[in-house]
N, C-alpha and C. Protein backbone atom coordinates (compact mmCIF):
# COMPACT_ATOMS: atom_id res chain seq x y z
N MET A 1 0.68 -1.38 0.18
CA MET A 1 -0.07 0.05 -0.08
C MET A 1 0.55 1.21 -0.08
N CYS A 2 0.76 2.23 -0.43
CA CYS A 2 1.04 3.31 -0.42
C CYS A 2 0.27 4.35 -0.48
N LEU A 3 0.99 5.43 0.01
CA LEU A 3 0.53 6.75 1.24
C LEU A 3 1.34 7.18 0.93
N GLY A 4 0.88 8.67 1.24
CA GLY A 4 1.12 9.84 0.57
C GLY A 4 1.00 11.25 1.80
N ILE A 5 1.68 11.71 2.29
CA ILE A 5 1.70 12.51 3.47
C ILE A 5 0.74 14.23 3.11
N PRO A 6 0.49 14.31 3.47
CA PRO A 6 0.18 16.67 3.99
C PRO A 6 1.72 16.79 4.79
N MET A 7 1.89 17.57 3.94
CA MET A 7 2.83 17.94 4.29
C MET A 7 2.72 20.16 3.65
N ARG A 8 3.62 20.59 4.45
CA ARG A 8 2.77 22.35 4.16
C ARG A 8 4.33 22.74 3.79
N VAL A 9 5.24 23.39 2.42
CA VAL A 9 5.93 24.13 2.05
C VAL A 9 6.17 24.89 2.34
N VAL A 10 7.41 25.16 3.88
CA VAL A 10 8.23 26.36 4.66
C VAL A 10 9.15 27.35 3.24
N GLU A 11 9.54 26.36 1.54
CA GLU A 11 10.67 26.60 1.78
C GLU A 11 11.27 26.22 0.41
N ILE A 12 10.79 27.38 -1.09
CA ILE A 12 11.03 26.50 -2.53
C ILE A 12 12.12 27.01 -3.05
N ASN A 13 12.96 26.20 -3.45
CA ASN A 13 14.51 26.52 -4.54
C ASN A 13 14.04 26.38 -5.78
N GLY A 14 13.74 26.54 -6.72
CA GLY A 14 13.78 26.46 -8.48
C GLY A 14 12.40 24.89 -8.27
N SER A 15 13.32 23.24 -8.17
CA SER A 15 11.78 22.61 -8.17
C SER A 15 12.41 22.08 -7.20
N LEU A 16 12.09 22.14 -6.53
CA LEU A 16 12.44 21.59 -4.88
C LEU A 16 12.09 23.15 -3.88
N ALA A 17 12.06 21.69 -2.72
CA ALA A 17 11.11 22.59 -1.61
C ALA A 17 10.87 22.17 -0.51
N THR A 18 10.95 22.62 0.23
CA THR A 18 11.56 22.04 1.85
C THR A 18 9.79 21.44 2.44
N VAL A 19 9.77 20.89 2.56
CA VAL A 19 7.66 20.91 2.97
C VAL A 19 8.05 20.40 4.23
N GLU A 20 7.09 20.53 5.68
CA GLU A 20 7.15 19.72 6.90
C GLU A 20 5.39 19.88 7.56
N SER A 21 6.31 18.90 8.51
CA SER A 21 4.68 17.78 8.69
C SER A 21 5.74 17.30 10.52
N GLY A 22 4.25 17.72 11.09
CA GLY A 22 5.16 17.38 12.59
C GLY A 22 6.60 17.78 13.26
N GLY A 23 6.70 19.01 12.95
CA GLY A 23 8.42 18.60 13.74
C GLY A 23 8.99 17.89 11.93
N VAL A 24 8.49 17.00 11.53
CA VAL A 24 9.49 16.76 10.13
C VAL A 24 10.11 17.43 9.25
N ARG A 25 11.47 17.84 8.17
CA ARG A 25 11.64 18.46 7.16
C ARG A 25 12.02 17.36 6.51
N ARG A 26 11.76 17.37 5.34
CA ARG A 26 12.09 17.10 4.15
C ARG A 26 12.21 17.98 2.97
N GLU A 27 12.89 17.79 1.39
CA GLU A 27 13.34 18.70 0.36
C GLU A 27 12.46 17.48 -0.75
N VAL A 28 11.56 18.10 -1.25
CA VAL A 28 10.38 16.80 -2.52
C VAL A 28 11.05 17.54 -3.56
N SER A 29 10.30 16.89 -5.05
CA SER A 29 10.58 17.59 -5.71
C SER A 29 9.51 18.46 -5.87
N ILE A 30 9.33 19.59 -6.35
CA ILE A 30 7.84 19.95 -7.09
C ILE A 30 7.48 20.36 -7.98
N GLN A 31 8.29 18.78 -9.13
CA GLN A 31 8.18 18.50 -10.69
C GLN A 31 6.21 19.21 -11.57
N LEU A 32 6.47 18.51 -10.82
CA LEU A 32 4.47 17.15 -11.13
C LEU A 32 4.22 18.24 -11.00
N VAL A 33 4.23 18.86 -9.81
CA VAL A 33 2.49 20.53 -9.50
C VAL A 33 3.03 21.54 -10.16
N GLU A 34 1.51 22.37 -10.62
CA GLU A 34 2.18 23.89 -10.72
C GLU A 34 1.60 24.55 -10.00
N GLY A 35 2.40 25.33 -9.49
CA GLY A 35 1.30 27.13 -8.74
C GLY A 35 1.90 26.50 -8.18
N VAL A 36 2.77 26.51 -6.68
CA VAL A 36 2.92 25.81 -5.78
C VAL A 36 3.18 27.11 -4.98
N GLN A 37 3.01 27.34 -4.07
CA GLN A 37 3.92 28.67 -2.74
C GLN A 37 3.67 28.14 -1.54
N VAL A 38 4.73 29.24 -1.32
CA VAL A 38 5.63 28.44 0.27
C VAL A 38 4.28 28.94 1.33
N GLY A 39 3.78 27.89 1.86
CA GLY A 39 2.51 28.26 2.69
C GLY A 39 0.85 27.09 3.17
N ASP A 40 1.39 27.04 1.20
CA ASP A 40 0.33 25.68 0.46
C ASP A 40 0.97 24.43 1.48
N TYR A 41 -0.36 23.20 0.87
CA TYR A 41 0.25 21.78 1.44
C TYR A 41 0.12 20.86 0.69
N VAL A 42 0.56 19.95 -0.23
CA VAL A 42 0.61 19.38 -0.59
C VAL A 42 1.02 17.49 -0.21
N ILE A 43 0.47 17.00 -1.21
CA ILE A 43 0.67 15.30 -0.24
C ILE A 43 1.98 14.76 -1.35
N VAL A 44 2.31 14.65 -0.95
CA VAL A 44 4.39 14.17 -0.46
C VAL A 44 4.31 12.23 -0.57
N HIS A 45 4.30 12.18 -2.22
CA HIS A 45 5.22 10.72 -1.41
C HIS A 45 5.97 10.28 -2.28
N ALA A 46 6.89 9.19 -1.86
CA ALA A 46 8.57 8.74 -2.42
C ALA A 46 9.17 9.75 -2.80
N GLY A 47 9.00 10.61 -2.21
CA GLY A 47 10.96 11.89 -2.59
C GLY A 47 9.19 13.33 -3.48
N PHE A 48 8.45 12.82 -3.16
CA PHE A 48 7.64 14.19 -5.15
C PHE A 48 6.60 14.47 -4.19
N ALA A 49 6.11 16.38 -4.97
CA ALA A 49 4.86 16.61 -4.21
C ALA A 49 3.71 16.21 -5.56
N ILE A 50 2.36 15.41 -5.04
CA ILE A 50 2.26 14.70 -6.50
C ILE A 50 1.20 15.61 -6.20
N SER A 51 0.26 16.39 -5.69
CA SER A 51 -0.61 17.27 -6.03
C SER A 51 -1.11 18.43 -4.63
N VAL A 52 -1.39 19.31 -4.32
CA VAL A 52 -1.90 19.99 -3.82
C VAL A 52 -3.41 19.89 -3.43
N LEU A 53 -3.35 20.34 -2.14
CA LEU A 53 -4.98 20.08 -1.65
C LEU A 53 -4.29 21.83 -0.54
N ASP A 54 -6.13 21.56 -0.14
CA ASP A 54 -6.27 22.42 1.02
C ASP A 54 -5.79 22.20 2.42
N GLU A 55 -5.79 23.52 2.78
CA GLU A 55 -5.55 23.56 4.51
C GLU A 55 -6.63 22.51 4.94
N ASP A 56 -7.31 23.14 5.21
CA ASP A 56 -9.39 22.12 5.81
C ASP A 56 -8.90 20.63 5.61
N LEU A 57 -8.49 20.18 4.69
CA LEU A 57 -8.30 19.20 3.99
C LEU A 57 -6.75 18.44 4.91
N ALA A 58 -5.52 19.02 4.41
CA ALA A 58 -4.85 18.72 4.94
C ALA A 58 -4.67 18.27 5.98
N GLN A 59 -5.46 19.08 7.06
CA GLN A 59 -5.18 19.02 8.97
C GLN A 59 -6.34 18.39 8.83
N GLU A 60 -7.66 17.56 8.27
CA GLU A 60 -8.59 16.79 8.49
C GLU A 60 -7.28 15.35 8.54
N THR A 61 -7.08 15.25 7.13
CA THR A 61 -6.34 13.39 7.71
C THR A 61 -4.67 13.74 7.91
N LEU A 62 -4.07 14.67 8.20
CA LEU A 62 -3.11 14.48 9.73
C LEU A 62 -3.51 14.44 10.94
N ALA A 63 -5.26 14.63 10.39
CA ALA A 63 -5.81 13.98 12.08
C ALA A 63 -6.49 12.58 12.13
N ILE A 64 -6.84 12.06 11.37
CA ILE A 64 -6.63 10.78 11.04
C ILE A 64 -5.27 9.43 10.97
N ILE A 65 -3.99 10.30 10.42
CA ILE A 65 -2.80 9.36 10.19
C ILE A 65 -3.37 9.52 11.73
N GLU A 66 -3.03 11.14 12.59
CA GLU A 66 -2.54 10.79 14.08
C GLU A 66 -3.44 9.49 14.79
N GLU A 67 -4.69 10.13 14.73
CA GLU A 67 -5.84 9.11 14.94
C GLU A 67 -5.20 7.04 14.92
N MET A 68 -4.82 6.98 13.65
CA MET A 68 -3.90 5.30 13.27
C MET A 68 -3.28 5.38 14.18
N ALA A 69 -2.05 5.97 14.09
CA ALA A 69 -0.79 5.76 14.96
C ALA A 69 -1.02 5.82 15.65
N SER A 70 -1.73 6.40 16.70
CA SER A 70 -2.61 5.86 18.51
C SER A 70 -3.01 4.85 18.33
N LEU A 71 -4.29 4.21 17.57
CA LEU A 71 -4.35 3.20 17.74
C LEU A 71 -3.37 2.30 17.75
N ALA A 72 -3.03 2.49 16.91
CA ALA A 72 -1.96 1.16 16.14
C ALA A 72 -1.01 0.94 17.15
N SER A 73 -0.54 1.72 18.58
CA SER A 73 0.56 2.07 19.35
C SER A 73 -0.41 1.16 20.60
N GLY A 74 -1.31 1.83 21.01
CA GLY A 74 -2.30 0.37 22.25
C GLY A 74 -2.49 2.03 22.83
N ALA A 75 -1.77 3.61 22.65
CA ALA A 75 -2.27 3.93 23.89
C ALA A 75 -3.83 4.63 23.41
């Protein structure tokens, strides 16, 4: 199963962006999406931003992922 994670763009340098989620920062390619700006949320999979999504949907998705992780750990 593949999983794309919503991450917020904090910096753009050419075709690469620094993205962040939960305090984790990664550098990803933004070549597959157009019009990405700092502050946007993107779905990240295998080192690539594959789509842009609105902040409300990103936050909802991150909350679900956090809930699933909590359930999996038995917390």
